């Protein structure tokens, strides 16, 4: 610790948490956060030491690991962000953020949707479409996707009172439509979330404001795309927190899926098959 920073092994020795466990925490929760630049050996400061020690103490009091980490970071009392993208950035700073144009987002979204349809594994399927016109252009497709989901939900600026929902006419006939209020953060976001027993995936993107609006294909988004079970669970919790104030009855329908915990670790071959499908669709989108 000649520079006032700690290596992974030094942090493990000081806190008593094995290096392997710290690596698992960092992979799943982005904690503890290294202060070294990307590409260099990871180094940790005194704050990281204090936070790891705080997690140990909180775990001893019975808190779950996720709750203990949030408490140690000082996030426990913070209100949940009204944004799925922001929730992922807060909980999983380890996930890469990339910039894509709209055609690439369509390709990645369809990869998740089609993998869900091909597996017919139930679960929850949620889409945030920004504006109603975007959803109406995909409504027929999403009605078909809802046939193989236990619960399908779409959020957009539908022209009804904020929080108003339109339920499907019958079981499996279509997604629930949730109206966002004016200026809601999700009006700038694009999300596809699949949380199913056989595997899950999340695409969460935030549209970059442009000085001059250009053609539709030129629209740019910052994107997080993952099939990591913990990330999918984080996204589902964030979606439930957003839906809760808008549509309490629908929020209660999410409870069984939230209690089920993270989806299985991508089921047999789920991650590989989804990645292969996504690559093929992206190649076609170029």
Protein backbone atom coordinates (compact mmCIF):
# COMPACT_ATOMS: atom_id res chain seq x y z
CA UNK A 1 0.00 0.00 0.00
CA UNK A 2 2.79 2.42 -0.88
CA UNK A 3 0.41 4.74 -2.76
CA UNK A 4 -2.36 4.67 -0.18
CA UNK A 5 -4.33 2.16 -2.25
CA UNK A 6 -4.94 -1.54 -1.74
CA UNK A 7 -4.62 -4.46 -4.14
CA UNK A 8 -7.32 -7.14 -4.22
CA UNK A 9 -5.21 -9.41 -2.06
CA UNK A 10 -4.51 -6.64 0.45
CA UNK A 11 -8.21 -5.77 0.62
CA UNK A 12 -8.99 -9.44 1.23
CA UNK A 13 -6.37 -9.70 3.98
CA UNK A 14 -7.59 -6.55 5.77
CA UNK A 15 -11.30 -7.41 5.64
CA UNK A 16 -11.15 -11.19 5.88
CA UNK A 17 -13.22 -11.62 2.72
CA UNK A 18 -11.51 -14.00 0.25
CA UNK A 19 -10.38 -12.57 -3.07
CA UNK A 20 -12.71 -14.99 -4.89
CA UNK A 21 -15.70 -13.72 -2.94
CA UNK A 22 -14.77 -10.11 -3.63
CA UNK A 23 -14.60 -10.92 -7.33
CA UNK A 24 -18.07 -12.47 -7.22
CA UNK A 25 -19.43 -9.39 -5.43
CA UNK A 26 -17.84 -7.13 -8.03
CA UNK A 27 -19.15 -9.20 -10.92
CA UNK A 28 -22.71 -9.33 -9.61
CA UNK A 29 -23.06 -6.04 -7.77
CA UNK A 30 -20.26 -3.78 -9.00
CA UNK A 31 -18.97 -3.74 -5.42
CA UNK A 32 -16.44 -2.92 -4.12
CA UNK A 33 -15.61 -0.30 -6.73
CA UNK A 34 -11.98 -0.02 -7.79
CA UNK A 35 -10.46 3.45 -8.15
CA UNK A 36 -7.82 2.43 -10.69
CA UNK A 37 -8.25 3.37 -14.38
CA UNK A 38 -9.73 0.68 -16.68
CA UNK A 39 -7.16 -1.77 -17.98
CA UNK A 40 -4.87 -1.43 -14.97
CA UNK A 41 -4.60 -3.72 -11.95
CA UNK A 42 -7.48 -3.05 -9.61
CA UNK A 43 -6.75 -0.88 -6.61
CA UNK A 44 -9.09 0.10 -3.78
CA UNK A 45 -9.13 3.09 -1.45
CA UNK A 46 -10.00 3.49 2.23
CA UNK A 47 -13.66 4.05 1.39
CA UNK A 48 -13.81 0.60 -0.22
CA UNK A 49 -12.26 -0.92 2.91
CA UNK A 50 -14.83 0.81 5.11
CA UNK A 51 -17.70 -0.26 2.85
CA UNK A 52 -16.64 -3.93 2.82
CA UNK A 53 -16.38 -3.88 6.61
CA UNK A 54 -19.84 -2.29 6.77
CA UNK A 55 -21.26 -5.06 4.57
CA UNK A 56 -19.77 -7.68 6.91
CA UNK A 57 -21.43 -6.03 9.90
CA UNK A 58 -24.78 -5.62 8.15
CA UNK A 59 -24.75 -9.24 6.99
CA UNK A 60 -24.19 -10.28 10.59
CA UNK A 61 -27.41 -8.40 11.44
CA UNK A 62 -29.31 -10.52 8.93
CA UNK A 63 -29.45 -8.27 5.86
CA UNK A 64 -29.23 -9.85 2.43
CA UNK A 65 -26.05 -9.19 0.51
CA UNK A 66 -27.79 -6.82 -1.92
CA UNK A 67 -29.41 -4.87 0.92
CA UNK A 68 -26.15 -4.72 2.87
CA UNK A 69 -24.27 -3.39 -0.16
CA UNK A 70 -26.94 -0.76 -0.79
CA UNK A 71 -26.78 0.28 2.88
CA UNK A 72 -22.98 0.44 2.83
CA UNK A 73 -23.07 2.60 -0.29
CA UNK A 74 -25.57 4.91 1.36
CA UNK A 75 -28.27 4.02 -1.15
CA UNK A 76 -30.72 2.34 1.23
CA UNK A 77 -32.56 5.55 2.01
CA UNK A 78 -32.45 6.90 -1.53
CA UNK A 79 -35.67 6.72 -3.52
CA UNK A 80 -35.60 4.22 -6.37
CA UNK A 81 -34.85 5.92 -9.69
CA UNK A 82 -37.89 6.27 -12.01
CA UNK A 83 -35.77 4.78 -14.77
CA UNK A 84 -34.72 1.22 -15.58
CA UNK A 85 -31.52 2.41 -17.25
CA UNK A 86 -30.59 4.53 -14.22
CA UNK A 87 -31.37 1.67 -11.83
CA UNK A 88 -28.98 -0.60 -13.72
CA UNK A 89 -26.27 2.06 -13.79
CA UNK A 90 -26.62 2.55 -10.04
CA UNK A 91 -26.71 -1.13 -9.06
CA UNK A 92 -24.37 -2.51 -11.74
CA UNK A 93 -21.66 0.00 -12.67
CA UNK A 94 -19.65 -2.97 -13.95
CA UNK A 95 -21.98 -3.46 -16.91
CA UNK A 96 -20.62 -1.78 -20.06
CA UNK A 97 -22.54 1.09 -21.63
CA UNK A 98 -22.32 1.38 -25.40
CA UNK A 99 -23.77 3.78 -27.97
CA UNK A 100 -25.95 2.34 -30.73
CA UNK A 101 -28.21 3.77 -33.41
CA UNK A 102 -31.86 2.84 -33.63
CA UNK A 103 -31.52 -0.04 -36.17
CA UNK A 104 -29.14 -1.87 -33.81
CA UNK A 105 -31.58 -1.45 -30.91
CA UNK A 106 -34.37 -2.92 -33.02
CA UNK A 107 -32.16 -5.91 -33.84
CA UNK A 108 -31.19 -6.54 -30.20
CA UNK A 109 -34.78 -6.07 -29.02
CA UNK A 110 -36.08 -8.58 -31.54
CA UNK A 111 -33.41 -11.06 -30.52
CA UNK A 112 -34.73 -11.03 -26.93
CA UNK A 113 -38.36 -11.09 -28.05
CA UNK A 114 -37.85 -13.95 -30.51
CA UNK A 115 -35.84 -16.03 -28.04
CA UNK A 116 -38.73 -15.62 -25.59
CA UNK A 117 -41.26 -16.65 -28.24
CA UNK A 118 -39.18 -19.63 -29.37
CA UNK A 119 -38.87 -20.97 -25.83
CA UNK A 120 -42.45 -20.20 -24.73
CA UNK A 121 -41.19 -20.25 -21.16
CA UNK A 122 -43.75 -17.89 -19.60
CA UNK A 123 -42.48 -15.30 -17.15
CA UNK A 124 -42.69 -11.54 -17.49
CA UNK A 125 -42.13 -9.54 -20.67
CA UNK A 126 -41.97 -5.75 -20.33
CA UNK A 127 -41.42 -3.13 -23.02
CA UNK A 128 -40.94 0.62 -22.68
CA UNK A 129 -41.74 2.27 -26.01
CA UNK A 130 -41.37 6.00 -25.23
CA UNK A 131 -44.32 7.03 -27.42
CA UNK A 132 -47.60 5.37 -28.28
CA UNK A 133 -46.91 5.53 -32.03
CA UNK A 134 -43.84 3.34 -31.55
CA UNK A 135 -45.87 0.71 -29.75
CA UNK A 136 -48.76 0.79 -32.22
CA UNK A 137 -46.28 -0.03 -34.96
CA UNK A 138 -45.31 -3.16 -33.02
CA UNK A 139 -48.66 -3.91 -31.38
CA UNK A 140 -49.46 -6.92 -33.54
CA UNK A 141 -46.06 -8.42 -32.77
CA UNK A 142 -46.40 -7.81 -29.02
CA UNK A 143 -49.87 -9.31 -28.96
CA UNK A 144 -48.32 -12.47 -30.38
CA UNK A 145 -45.46 -12.31 -27.86
CA UNK A 146 -47.96 -12.00 -25.01
CA UNK A 147 -49.37 -15.41 -25.91
CA UNK A 148 -46.31 -17.11 -24.40
CA UNK A 149 -45.81 -14.81 -21.39
CA UNK A 150 -47.44 -15.16 -17.98
CA UNK A 151 -47.59 -11.36 -17.88
CA UNK A 152 -46.80 -8.86 -20.63
CA UNK A 153 -46.66 -5.09 -20.00
CA UNK A 154 -45.98 -2.10 -22.24
CA UNK A 155 -45.35 1.46 -21.07
CA UNK A 156 -45.68 4.57 -23.23
CA UNK A 157 -47.29 8.01 -23.34
CA UNK A 158 -50.72 6.58 -24.07
CA UNK A 159 -53.31 9.42 -24.28
CA UNK A 160 -55.05 8.61 -21.01
CA UNK A 161 -54.56 9.75 -17.44
CA UNK A 162 -51.10 8.91 -16.09
CA UNK A 163 -51.17 5.44 -14.61
CA UNK A 164 -54.27 4.40 -16.50
CA UNK A 165 -54.06 0.81 -17.69
CA UNK A 166 -55.81 -1.09 -20.40
CA UNK A 167 -55.97 -4.75 -19.56
CA UNK A 168 -55.94 -7.43 -22.25
CA UNK A 169 -59.40 -8.65 -23.20
CA UNK A 170 -58.58 -12.16 -21.99
CA UNK A 171 -55.75 -14.26 -20.67
CA UNK A 172 -52.89 -14.33 -23.13
CA UNK A 173 -54.60 -12.02 -25.65
CA UNK A 174 -52.30 -9.04 -25.31
CA UNK A 175 -50.10 -6.96 -23.04
CA UNK A 176 -51.23 -4.57 -20.34
CA UNK A 177 -50.84 -0.95 -21.47
CA UNK A 178 -49.62 1.51 -18.81
CA UNK A 179 -49.82 5.24 -19.43
CA UNK A 180 -46.84 7.36 -18.37
CA UNK A 181 -47.31 10.89 -17.10
CA UNK A 182 -46.00 13.91 -19.04
CA UNK A 183 -42.25 14.24 -18.73
CA UNK A 184 -41.77 10.80 -17.19
CA UNK A 185 -38.10 9.68 -17.53
CA UNK A 186 -39.20 6.57 -19.42
CA UNK A 187 -40.27 8.82 -22.29
CA UNK A 188 -36.56 8.98 -23.16
CA UNK A 189 -35.95 5.25 -22.67
CA UNK A 190 -36.23 2.06 -24.68
CA UNK A 191 -36.50 -1.15 -22.69
CA UNK A 192 -37.12 -4.82 -23.37
CA UNK A 193 -37.09 -7.00 -20.27
CA UNK A 194 -37.57 -10.76 -20.15
CA UNK A 195 -37.70 -12.46 -16.74
CA UNK A 196 -38.63 -16.12 -17.19
CA UNK A 197 -37.87 -19.45 -15.47
CA UNK A 198 -35.74 -20.60 -18.39
CA UNK A 199 -33.62 -17.47 -18.56
CA UNK A 200 -33.80 -13.71 -18.78
CA UNK A 201 -32.37 -10.71 -20.56
CA UNK A 202 -32.62 -6.95 -20.37
CA UNK A 203 -32.05 -4.19 -22.88
CA UNK A 204 -32.20 -0.73 -21.32
CA UNK A 205 -31.33 2.31 -23.41
CA UNK A 206 -31.44 6.05 -22.90
CA UNK A 207 -31.82 8.32 -25.91
CA UNK A 208 -29.07 10.89 -26.35
CA UNK A 209 -30.56 14.36 -26.96
CA UNK A 210 -29.56 15.81 -30.32
CA UNK A 211 -29.17 19.50 -31.13
CA UNK A 212 -30.98 18.97 -34.42
CA UNK A 213 -33.37 16.06 -34.90
CA UNK A 214 -32.23 13.80 -37.72
CA UNK A 215 -33.78 10.85 -39.53
CA UNK A 216 -35.12 7.98 -37.42
CA UNK A 217 -32.21 5.58 -38.14
CA UNK A 218 -29.75 8.23 -36.88
CA UNK A 219 -31.23 8.38 -33.38
CA UNK A 220 -28.56 7.41 -30.84
CA UNK A 221 -28.94 5.60 -27.53
CA UNK A 222 -26.68 4.68 -24.64
CA UNK A 223 -27.32 0.97 -24.12
CA UNK A 224 -26.99 -1.68 -21.43
CA UNK A 225 -27.66 -5.23 -22.69
CA UNK A 226 -27.27 -8.25 -20.41
CA UNK A 227 -28.60 -11.73 -19.66
CA UNK A 228 -26.93 -11.83 -16.23
CA UNK A 229 -29.62 -13.04 -13.78
CA UNK A 230 -28.79 -10.42 -11.14
CA UNK A 231 -29.02 -7.63 -13.71
CA UNK A 232 -32.36 -8.96 -14.97
CA UNK A 233 -33.66 -9.08 -11.39
CA UNK A 234 -32.49 -5.50 -10.80
CA UNK A 235 -34.34 -4.38 -13.93
CA UNK A 236 -37.53 -6.17 -12.87
CA UNK A 237 -37.41 -4.53 -9.42
CA UNK A 238 -36.91 -1.15 -11.08
CA UNK A 239 -39.84 -1.77 -13.43
CA UNK A 240 -42.04 -2.78 -10.50
CA UNK A 241 -41.07 0.41 -8.64
CA UNK A 242 -42.05 2.47 -11.68
CA UNK A 243 -45.33 0.62 -12.25
CA UNK A 244 -46.30 0.66 -8.56
CA UNK A 245 -47.41 4.31 -8.27
CA UNK A 246 -48.93 4.26 -11.76
CA UNK A 247 -50.87 0.98 -11.60
CA UNK A 248 -51.01 -0.63 -8.13
CA UNK A 249 -53.18 -3.55 -9.25
CA UNK A 250 -50.78 -4.44 -12.02
CA UNK A 251 -47.85 -4.03 -9.63
CA UNK A 252 -49.36 -6.72 -7.40
CA UNK A 253 -49.42 -9.10 -10.37
CA UNK A 254 -45.66 -8.75 -10.51
CA UNK A 255 -45.19 -9.89 -6.90
CA UNK A 256 -44.97 -13.65 -7.58
CA UNK A 257 -42.29 -13.06 -10.19
CA UNK A 258 -40.33 -10.77 -7.89
CA UNK A 259 -40.50 -13.34 -5.09
CA UNK A 260 -39.20 -16.02 -7.46
CA UNK A 261 -35.84 -14.23 -7.50
CA UNK A 262 -33.44 -13.95 -10.42
CA UNK A 263 -34.19 -16.11 -13.45
CA UNK A 264 -32.26 -19.35 -13.78
CA UNK A 265 -28.72 -18.82 -14.98
CA UNK A 266 -29.89 -18.53 -18.56
CA UNK A 267 -31.21 -22.10 -18.67
CA UNK A 268 -29.49 -24.68 -20.88
CA UNK A 269 -27.85 -22.71 -23.68
CA UNK A 270 -30.02 -19.61 -23.24
CA UNK A 271 -27.14 -17.13 -23.13
CA UNK A 272 -25.31 -18.70 -26.07
CA UNK A 273 -28.43 -18.95 -28.20
CA UNK A 274 -29.50 -15.41 -27.42
CA UNK A 275 -26.02 -14.08 -28.24
CA UNK A 276 -25.98 -16.01 -31.52
CA UNK A 277 -29.42 -14.68 -32.44
CA UNK A 278 -28.44 -11.13 -31.48
CA UNK A 279 -25.25 -11.29 -33.56
CA UNK A 280 -27.19 -12.55 -36.58
CA UNK A 281 -29.82 -9.82 -36.24
CA UNK A 282 -27.18 -7.12 -35.73
CA UNK A 283 -25.33 -8.26 -38.81
CA UNK A 284 -28.53 -7.93 -40.79
CA UNK A 285 -29.15 -4.46 -39.34
CA UNK A 286 -25.88 -2.99 -40.61
